[in-house]
C-alpha atoms as a PDB file:
ATOM      1  CA  UNK A   1      10.044 -20.933  28.921  1.00  0.00           C
ATOM      2  CA  UNK A   2       7.564 -20.363  31.734  1.00  0.00           C
ATOM      3  CA  UNK A   3       4.392 -22.381  32.185  1.00  0.00           C
ATOM      4  CA  UNK A   4       2.086 -19.767  30.651  1.00  0.00           C
ATOM      5  CA  UNK A   5       4.276 -19.390  27.561  1.00  0.00           C
ATOM      6  CA  UNK A   6       4.452 -23.165  27.176  1.00  0.00           C
ATOM      7  CA  UNK A   7       0.674 -23.480  27.288  1.00  0.00           C
ATOM      8  CA  UNK A   8       0.374 -20.681  24.724  1.00  0.00           C
ATOM      9  CA  UNK A   9       2.713 -22.487  22.311  1.00  0.00           C
ATOM     10  CA  UNK A  10       0.742 -25.724  22.692  1.00  0.00           C
ATOM     11  CA  UNK A  11      -2.516 -23.849  22.101  1.00  0.00           C
ATOM     12  CA  UNK A  12      -1.141 -22.246  18.938  1.00  0.00           C
ATOM     13  CA  UNK A  13       0.154 -25.595  17.651  1.00  0.00           C
ATOM     14  CA  UNK A  14      -3.245 -27.224  18.200  1.00  0.00           C
ATOM     15  CA  UNK A  15      -4.949 -24.330  16.401  1.00  0.00           C
ATOM     16  CA  UNK A  16      -2.663 -24.825  13.396  1.00  0.00           C
ATOM     17  CA  UNK A  17      -3.279 -28.597  13.355  1.00  0.00           C
ATOM     18  CA  UNK A  18      -7.046 -28.043  13.352  1.00  0.00           C
ATOM     19  CA  UNK A  19      -6.757 -25.853  10.253  1.00  0.00           C
ATOM     20  CA  UNK A  20      -4.893 -28.433   8.181  1.00  0.00           C
ATOM     21  CA  UNK A  21      -6.410 -30.873   5.716  1.00  0.00           C
ATOM     22  CA  UNK A  22      -5.316 -33.105   2.840  1.00  0.00           C
ATOM     23  CA  UNK A  23      -5.221 -30.274   0.278  1.00  0.00           C
ATOM     24  CA  UNK A  24      -2.368 -28.383   1.943  1.00  0.00           C
ATOM     25  CA  UNK A  25      -2.347 -24.857   3.390  1.00  0.00           C
ATOM     26  CA  UNK A  26       0.321 -22.216   2.813  1.00  0.00           C
ATOM     27  CA  UNK A  27       2.239 -20.615   5.682  1.00  0.00           C
ATOM     28  CA  UNK A  28       0.791 -17.259   4.712  1.00  0.00           C
ATOM     29  CA  UNK A  29      -2.766 -18.610   4.908  1.00  0.00           C
ATOM     30  CA  UNK A  30      -2.058 -20.209   8.295  1.00  0.00           C
ATOM     31  CA  UNK A  31      -0.673 -16.901   9.564  1.00  0.00           C
ATOM     32  CA  UNK A  32      -3.806 -15.106   8.355  1.00  0.00           C
ATOM     33  CA  UNK A  33      -6.227 -17.657   9.844  1.00  0.00           C
ATOM     34  CA  UNK A  34      -4.439 -17.791  13.212  1.00  0.00           C
ATOM     35  CA  UNK A  35      -3.646 -14.058  13.347  1.00  0.00           C
ATOM     36  CA  UNK A  36      -0.034 -14.922  14.155  1.00  0.00           C
ATOM     37  CA  UNK A  37       3.196 -13.587  12.631  1.00  0.00           C
ATOM     38  CA  UNK A  38       4.421 -15.741   9.752  1.00  0.00           C
ATOM     39  CA  UNK A  39       7.726 -16.275  11.597  1.00  0.00           C
ATOM     40  CA  UNK A  40       5.854 -17.712  14.587  1.00  0.00           C
ATOM     41  CA  UNK A  41       3.833 -20.023  12.352  1.00  0.00           C
ATOM     42  CA  UNK A  42       7.058 -21.135  10.646  1.00  0.00           C
ATOM     43  CA  UNK A  43       8.679 -22.055  13.978  1.00  0.00           C
ATOM     44  CA  UNK A  44       5.639 -24.019  15.129  1.00  0.00           C
ATOM     45  CA  UNK A  45       5.329 -25.827  11.792  1.00  0.00           C
ATOM     46  CA  UNK A  46       9.037 -26.706  11.832  1.00  0.00           C
ATOM     47  CA  UNK A  47       8.648 -28.204  15.315  1.00  0.00           C
ATOM     48  CA  UNK A  48       5.552 -30.191  14.301  1.00  0.00           C
ATOM     49  CA  UNK A  49       7.295 -31.402  11.138  1.00  0.00           C
ATOM     50  CA  UNK A  50      10.234 -32.680  13.188  1.00  0.00           C
ATOM     51  CA  UNK A  51       7.771 -34.960  14.987  1.00  0.00           C
ATOM     52  CA  UNK A  52       6.077 -35.923  11.685  1.00  0.00           C
ATOM     53  CA  UNK A  53       2.817 -34.342  12.832  1.00  0.00           C
ATOM     54  CA  UNK A  54       2.773 -32.181   9.696  1.00  0.00           C
ATOM     55  CA  UNK A  55       4.345 -32.460   6.248  1.00  0.00           C
ATOM     56  CA  UNK A  56       5.621 -29.528   4.191  1.00  0.00           C
ATOM     57  CA  UNK A  57       5.867 -29.499   0.415  1.00  0.00           C
ATOM     58  CA  UNK A  58       5.042 -27.579  -2.739  1.00  0.00           C
ATOM     59  CA  UNK A  59       1.335 -27.896  -1.948  1.00  0.00           C
ATOM     60  CA  UNK A  60       1.768 -26.292   1.460  1.00  0.00           C
ATOM     61  CA  UNK A  61       1.456 -27.732   4.952  1.00  0.00           C
ATOM     62  CA  UNK A  62      -0.748 -30.774   5.628  1.00  0.00           C
ATOM     63  CA  UNK A  63      -1.203 -33.294   8.415  1.00  0.00           C
ATOM     64  CA  UNK A  64       1.654 -35.796   8.661  1.00  0.00           C
ATOM     65  CA  UNK A  65       1.778 -39.536   9.185  1.00  0.00           C
ATOM     66  CA  UNK A  66       2.604 -39.018  12.861  1.00  0.00           C
ATOM     67  CA  UNK A  67      -1.018 -38.002  13.486  1.00  0.00           C
ATOM     68  CA  UNK A  68      -2.136 -41.348  12.090  1.00  0.00           C
ATOM     69  CA  UNK A  69       0.366 -43.143  14.312  1.00  0.00           C
ATOM     70  CA  UNK A  70      -1.028 -41.452  17.425  1.00  0.00           C
ATOM     71  CA  UNK A  71      -4.572 -42.373  16.478  1.00  0.00           C
ATOM     72  CA  UNK A  72      -3.579 -45.933  15.559  1.00  0.00           C
ATOM     73  CA  UNK A  73      -1.897 -46.450  18.928  1.00  0.00           C
ATOM     74  CA  UNK A  74      -5.004 -45.202  20.713  1.00  0.00           C
ATOM     75  CA  UNK A  75      -7.206 -47.765  18.949  1.00  0.00           C
ATOM     76  CA  UNK A  76      -4.809 -50.712  18.785  1.00  0.00           C
ATOM     77  CA  UNK A  77      -6.864 -52.653  21.327  1.00  0.00           C
ATOM     78  CA  UNK A  78      -9.869 -52.645  18.988  1.00  0.00           C
ATOM     79  CA  UNK A  79      -7.709 -53.920  16.130  1.00  0.00           C
ATOM     80  CA  UNK A  80      -6.319 -56.676  18.356  1.00  0.00           C
ATOM     81  CA  UNK A  81      -9.813 -57.820  19.340  1.00  0.00           C
ATOM     82  CA  UNK A  82     -10.921 -57.941  15.717  1.00  0.00           C
ATOM     83  CA  UNK A  83      -7.882 -59.609  14.170  1.00  0.00           C
ATOM     84  CA  UNK A  84      -9.572 -63.009  13.871  1.00  0.00           C
ATOM     85  CA  UNK A  85     -12.702 -61.623  12.124  1.00  0.00           C
ATOM     86  CA  UNK A  86     -10.423 -59.687   9.757  1.00  0.00           C
ATOM     87  CA  UNK A  87      -8.570 -62.911   8.931  1.00  0.00           C
ATOM     88  CA  UNK A  88     -11.917 -64.586   8.296  1.00  0.00           C
ATOM     89  CA  UNK A  89     -12.938 -61.750   5.957  1.00  0.00           C
ATOM     90  CA  UNK A  90      -9.690 -62.283   4.059  1.00  0.00           C
ATOM     91  CA  UNK A  91     -10.305 -66.036   3.816  1.00  0.00           C
ATOM     92  CA  UNK A  92     -13.801 -65.429   2.443  1.00  0.00           C
ATOM     93  CA  UNK A  93     -12.713 -62.880  -0.183  1.00  0.00           C
ATOM     94  CA  UNK A  94      -8.945 -63.318  -0.825  1.00  0.00           C
ATOM     95  CA  UNK A  95      -8.906 -59.564  -1.483  1.00  0.00           C
ATOM     96  CA  UNK A  96      -7.176 -56.791   0.467  1.00  0.00           C
ATOM     97  CA  UNK A  97      -9.191 -56.205   3.649  1.00  0.00           C
ATOM     98  CA  UNK A  98      -8.917 -53.680   6.452  1.00  0.00           C
ATOM     99  CA  UNK A  99     -10.398 -52.276   9.620  1.00  0.00           C
ATOM    100  CA  UNK A 100     -10.260 -48.531  10.106  1.00  0.00           C
ATOM    101  CA  UNK A 101     -11.410 -45.525  12.080  1.00  0.00           C
ATOM    102  CA  UNK A 102     -11.002 -41.847  11.224  1.00  0.00           C
ATOM    103  CA  UNK A 103      -9.268 -38.757  12.580  1.00  0.00           C
ATOM    104  CA  UNK A 104     -10.380 -35.381  11.299  1.00  0.00           C
ATOM    105  CA  UNK A 105     -11.138 -35.818   7.604  1.00  0.00           C
ATOM    106  CA  UNK A 106      -8.841 -38.792   7.022  1.00  0.00           C
ATOM    107  CA  UNK A 107      -9.260 -42.539   7.359  1.00  0.00           C
ATOM    108  CA  UNK A 108      -6.898 -44.222   9.829  1.00  0.00           C
ATOM    109  CA  UNK A 109      -6.062 -47.867   9.052  1.00  0.00           C
ATOM    110  CA  UNK A 110      -5.753 -49.985  12.201  1.00  0.00           C
ATOM    111  CA  UNK A 111      -5.117 -53.361  10.590  1.00  0.00           C
ATOM    112  CA  UNK A 112      -4.915 -54.718   7.070  1.00  0.00           C
ATOM    113  CA  UNK A 113      -4.314 -57.980   5.199  1.00  0.00           C
ATOM    114  CA  UNK A 114      -3.079 -57.727   1.606  1.00  0.00           C
ATOM    115  CA  UNK A 115      -4.624 -59.935  -1.082  1.00  0.00           C
ATOM    116  CA  UNK A 116      -2.620 -62.942  -2.232  1.00  0.00           C
ATOM    117  CA  UNK A 117      -4.011 -62.854  -5.778  1.00  0.00           C
ATOM    118  CA  UNK A 118      -1.756 -62.146  -8.770  1.00  0.00           C
ATOM    119  CA  UNK A 119      -3.554 -58.842  -9.469  1.00  0.00           C
ATOM    120  CA  UNK A 120      -4.266 -57.132  -6.173  1.00  0.00           C
ATOM    121  CA  UNK A 121      -4.485 -53.766  -4.446  1.00  0.00           C
ATOM    122  CA  UNK A 122      -1.496 -52.722  -2.339  1.00  0.00           C
ATOM    123  CA  UNK A 123      -2.200 -49.369  -0.650  1.00  0.00           C
ATOM    124  CA  UNK A 124       0.265 -46.481  -0.963  1.00  0.00           C
ATOM    125  CA  UNK A 125       0.967 -45.219   2.547  1.00  0.00           C
ATOM    126  CA  UNK A 126       1.609 -41.553   1.733  1.00  0.00           C
ATOM    127  CA  UNK A 127      -1.491 -41.075  -0.444  1.00  0.00           C
ATOM    128  CA  UNK A 128      -4.260 -38.911   1.124  1.00  0.00           C
ATOM    129  CA  UNK A 129      -7.111 -40.990   2.534  1.00  0.00           C
ATOM    130  CA  UNK A 130     -10.078 -38.584   2.765  1.00  0.00           C
ATOM    131  CA  UNK A 131     -13.240 -40.006   4.343  1.00  0.00           C
ATOM    132  CA  UNK A 132     -15.466 -38.749   1.510  1.00  0.00           C
ATOM    133  CA  UNK A 133     -13.536 -40.639  -1.207  1.00  0.00           C
ATOM    134  CA  UNK A 134     -13.218 -44.077   0.393  1.00  0.00           C
ATOM    135  CA  UNK A 135     -15.701 -46.873   1.032  1.00  0.00           C
ATOM    136  CA  UNK A 136     -14.701 -47.267   4.681  1.00  0.00           C
ATOM    137  CA  UNK A 137     -14.806 -43.484   5.121  1.00  0.00           C
ATOM    138  CA  UNK A 138     -18.345 -43.261   3.767  1.00  0.00           C
ATOM    139  CA  UNK A 139     -19.389 -46.166   5.983  1.00  0.00           C
ATOM    140  CA  UNK A 140     -18.161 -44.268   9.035  1.00  0.00           C
ATOM    141  CA  UNK A 141     -19.779 -41.028   7.854  1.00  0.00           C
ATOM    142  CA  UNK A 142     -23.106 -42.885   7.700  1.00  0.00           C
ATOM    143  CA  UNK A 143     -23.016 -43.144  11.500  1.00  0.00           C
ATOM    144  CA  UNK A 144     -22.874 -39.332  11.770  1.00  0.00           C
ATOM    145  CA  UNK A 145     -25.700 -36.863  11.190  1.00  0.00           C
ATOM    146  CA  UNK A 146     -25.777 -34.720   8.061  1.00  0.00           C
ATOM    147  CA  UNK A 147     -25.007 -31.699  10.246  1.00  0.00           C
ATOM    148  CA  UNK A 148     -21.927 -33.422  11.675  1.00  0.00           C
ATOM    149  CA  UNK A 149     -20.730 -34.389   8.187  1.00  0.00           C
ATOM    150  CA  UNK A 150     -21.198 -30.825   6.950  1.00  0.00           C
ATOM    151  CA  UNK A 151     -19.260 -29.428   9.913  1.00  0.00           C
ATOM    152  CA  UNK A 152     -16.487 -31.986   9.384  1.00  0.00           C
ATOM    153  CA  UNK A 153     -15.940 -31.416   5.671  1.00  0.00           C
ATOM    154  CA  UNK A 154     -16.811 -27.702   5.354  1.00  0.00           C
ATOM    155  CA  UNK A 155     -17.435 -28.359   1.646  1.00  0.00           C
ATOM    156  CA  UNK A 156     -13.670 -28.954   1.240  1.00  0.00           C
ATOM    157  CA  UNK A 157     -13.592 -32.013  -1.011  1.00  0.00           C
ATOM    158  CA  UNK A 158     -10.735 -31.825  -3.525  1.00  0.00           C
ATOM    159  CA  UNK A 159     -10.724 -34.505  -6.231  1.00  0.00           C
ATOM    160  CA  UNK A 160      -8.239 -37.386  -6.240  1.00  0.00           C
ATOM    161  CA  UNK A 161      -9.532 -38.866  -9.522  1.00  0.00           C
ATOM    162  CA  UNK A 162     -12.109 -37.938 -12.136  1.00  0.00           C
ATOM    163  CA  UNK A 163     -14.626 -40.066 -10.186  1.00  0.00           C
ATOM    164  CA  UNK A 164     -14.190 -38.403  -6.778  1.00  0.00           C
ATOM    165  CA  UNK A 165     -17.323 -36.824  -5.333  1.00  0.00           C
ATOM    166  CA  UNK A 166     -16.603 -33.125  -4.796  1.00  0.00           C
ATOM    167  CA  UNK A 167     -20.144 -31.946  -4.038  1.00  0.00           C
ATOM    168  CA  UNK A 168     -21.294 -32.084  -0.415  1.00  0.00           C
ATOM    169  CA  UNK A 169     -25.035 -32.338  -1.313  1.00  0.00           C
ATOM    170  CA  UNK A 170     -24.280 -35.279  -3.624  1.00  0.00           C
ATOM    171  CA  UNK A 171     -22.198 -36.935  -0.908  1.00  0.00           C
ATOM    172  CA  UNK A 172     -24.994 -36.493   1.645  1.00  0.00           C
ATOM    173  CA  UNK A 173     -27.420 -38.135  -0.779  1.00  0.00           C
ATOM    174  CA  UNK A 174     -25.023 -41.050  -1.186  1.00  0.00           C
ATOM    175  CA  UNK A 175     -24.600 -41.337   2.599  1.00  0.00           C
ATOM    176  CA  UNK A 176     -28.394 -41.564   2.926  1.00  0.00           C
ATOM    177  CA  UNK A 177     -28.264 -44.532   0.540  1.00  0.00           C
ATOM    178  CA  UNK A 178     -25.510 -46.107   2.664  1.00  0.00           C
ATOM    179  CA  UNK A 179     -27.717 -45.801   5.767  1.00  0.00           C
ATOM    180  CA  UNK A 180     -30.592 -47.487   3.914  1.00  0.00           C
ATOM    181  CA  UNK A 181     -28.577 -50.197   2.139  1.00  0.00           C
ATOM    182  CA  UNK A 182     -25.871 -50.880   4.738  1.00  0.00           C
ATOM    183  CA  UNK A 183     -22.987 -50.844   2.252  1.00  0.00           C
ATOM    184  CA  UNK A 184     -20.765 -48.041   0.988  1.00  0.00           C
ATOM    185  CA  UNK A 185     -18.748 -47.954  -2.208  1.00  0.00           C
ATOM    186  CA  UNK A 186     -15.621 -46.450  -3.690  1.00  0.00           C
ATOM    187  CA  UNK A 187     -15.789 -46.740  -7.478  1.00  0.00           C
ATOM    188  CA  UNK A 188     -12.362 -45.453  -8.463  1.00  0.00           C
ATOM    189  CA  UNK A 189     -12.911 -42.323  -6.355  1.00  0.00           C
ATOM    190  CA  UNK A 190      -9.723 -42.681  -4.315  1.00  0.00           C
ATOM    191  CA  UNK A 191      -7.460 -44.228  -6.951  1.00  0.00           C
ATOM    192  CA  UNK A 192      -7.969 -45.114 -10.604  1.00  0.00           C
ATOM    193  CA  UNK A 193      -8.476 -48.818 -11.207  1.00  0.00           C
ATOM    194  CA  UNK A 194      -9.365 -49.487  -7.559  1.00  0.00           C
ATOM    195  CA  UNK A 195     -12.809 -50.147  -6.062  1.00  0.00           C
ATOM    196  CA  UNK A 196     -13.925 -51.001  -2.538  1.00  0.00           C
ATOM    197  CA  UNK A 197     -16.943 -51.995  -0.471  1.00  0.00           C
ATOM    198  CA  UNK A 198     -17.324 -50.883   3.142  1.00  0.00           C
ATOM    199  CA  UNK A 199     -19.621 -51.505   6.079  1.00  0.00           C
ATOM    200  CA  UNK A 200     -19.967 -49.478   9.275  1.00  0.00           C
ATOM    201  CA  UNK A 201     -18.825 -50.900  12.583  1.00  0.00           C
ATOM    202  CA  UNK A 202     -19.980 -48.958  15.652  1.00  0.00           C
ATOM    203  CA  UNK A 203     -17.665 -49.448  18.629  1.00  0.00           C
ATOM    204  CA  UNK A 204     -19.079 -48.632  22.080  1.00  0.00           C
ATOM    205  CA  UNK A 205     -17.417 -45.566  23.575  1.00  0.00           C
ATOM    206  CA  UNK A 206     -15.273 -44.912  20.490  1.00  0.00           C
ATOM    207  CA  UNK A 207     -15.581 -43.042  17.194  1.00  0.00           C
ATOM    208  CA  UNK A 208     -16.983 -44.982  14.262  1.00  0.00           C
ATOM    209  CA  UNK A 209     -15.010 -47.854  12.732  1.00  0.00           C
ATOM    210  CA  UNK A 210     -15.468 -49.719   9.448  1.00  0.00           C
ATOM    211  CA  UNK A 211     -14.547 -52.867   7.588  1.00  0.00           C
ATOM    212  CA  UNK A 212     -13.761 -52.750   3.887  1.00  0.00           C
ATOM    213  CA  UNK A 213     -12.686 -54.962   1.017  1.00  0.00           C
ATOM    214  CA  UNK A 214     -10.516 -53.385  -1.703  1.00  0.00           C
ATOM    215  CA  UNK A 215     -10.006 -54.885  -5.141  1.00  0.00           C
ATOM    216  CA  UNK A 216      -9.142 -54.059  -8.773  1.00  0.00           C
ATOM    217  CA  UNK A 217     -12.037 -52.403 -10.584  1.00  0.00           C
ATOM    218  CA  UNK A 218     -12.189 -55.033 -13.348  1.00  0.00           C
ATOM    219  CA  UNK A 219     -13.469 -57.733 -10.969  1.00  0.00           C
ATOM    220  CA  UNK A 220     -15.585 -55.469  -8.739  1.00  0.00           C
ATOM    221  CA  UNK A 221     -19.040 -56.049 -10.275  1.00  0.00           C
ATOM    222  CA  UNK A 222     -18.721 -59.822 -10.529  1.00  0.00           C
ATOM    223  CA  UNK A 223     -17.505 -60.217  -6.958  1.00  0.00           C
ATOM    224  CA  UNK A 224     -19.794 -57.657  -5.300  1.00  0.00           C
ATOM    225  CA  UNK A 225     -22.574 -60.016  -4.038  1.00  0.00           C
ATOM    226  CA  UNK A 226     -20.086 -62.429  -2.427  1.00  0.00           C
ATOM    227  CA  UNK A 227     -18.137 -59.555  -0.834  1.00  0.00           C
ATOM    228  CA  UNK A 228     -21.302 -58.001   0.578  1.00  0.00           C
ATOM    229  CA  UNK A 229     -22.294 -61.325   2.138  1.00  0.00           C
ATOM    230  CA  UNK A 230     -18.824 -61.790   3.643  1.00  0.00           C
ATOM    231  CA  UNK A 231     -18.810 -58.258   5.071  1.00  0.00           C
ATOM    232  CA  UNK A 232     -22.209 -58.706   6.704  1.00  0.00           C
ATOM    233  CA  UNK A 233     -21.237 -62.058   8.253  1.00  0.00           C
ATOM    234  CA  UNK A 234     -17.950 -60.733   9.620  1.00  0.00           C
ATOM    235  CA  UNK A 235     -19.580 -57.541  10.847  1.00  0.00           C
ATOM    236  CA  UNK A 236     -21.985 -59.581  12.997  1.00  0.00           C
ATOM    237  CA  UNK A 237     -19.025 -61.456  14.474  1.00  0.00           C
ATOM    238  CA  UNK A 238     -17.263 -58.166  15.251  1.00  0.00           C
ATOM    239  CA  UNK A 239     -20.356 -56.726  16.944  1.00  0.00           C
ATOM    240  CA  UNK A 240     -20.596 -59.811  19.155  1.00  0.00           C
ATOM    241  CA  UNK A 241     -16.928 -59.469  20.161  1.00  0.00           C
ATOM    242  CA  UNK A 242     -17.273 -55.753  20.910  1.00  0.00           C
ATOM    243  CA  UNK A 243     -20.556 -56.066  22.778  1.00  0.00           C
ATOM    244  CA  UNK A 244     -20.271 -55.234  26.519  1.00  0.00           C
ATOM    245  CA  UNK A 245     -22.245 -58.419  27.217  1.00  0.00           C
ATOM    246  CA  UNK A 246     -19.444 -60.532  25.729  1.00  0.00           C
ATOM    247  CA  UNK A 247     -16.854 -59.153  28.164  1.00  0.00           C
END
């Protein structure tokens, strides 16, 4: 393969990756959107799947866990700097806690501590993690403009549960409330029986990050004030650590 052909293959692969989302896209649809022969799309998808950059199933082709790994590696230094605050957040709440960023329309988890309570939330790794259906995702969206959110989601918001927000105007209204209040919420929108509280964490020179606390829905309301206080205290610690003045 000559240099020009190699660049063309890379360009086509990137174009296919940009078209994928959590809902899944058929090979035929990818061929139509890229104006490429289906056989060419199949070869590229097979190559990407071998590297776990895409996943193929009955629902079509979607981004694979390898994309998350690439993003996680790129931001591992942020996670390392914030490990102590994350441990403090866990000590204050004893619930599952995490720090995350996002890639495309999905949340990328950089670090996480699982609750040690008898009834706790243990995340499922292969479940879609769309930014619009998760507390940490909404927190990060609050740092974007409405125009940026609209361009990111393209009104493609498939439901994961009966509580998932699937209307972009309704989501934008909720994001406005997050900007005003400081906290974002997932009330069984990502998984039934699971709730979460998130708070935005701007990182200089990087995409948005967030902290969140995830817990069973039955103890969400009673614990909410204490979790909000813990998130705000730990967020201030994180901002001090990430500040250029502290380096």
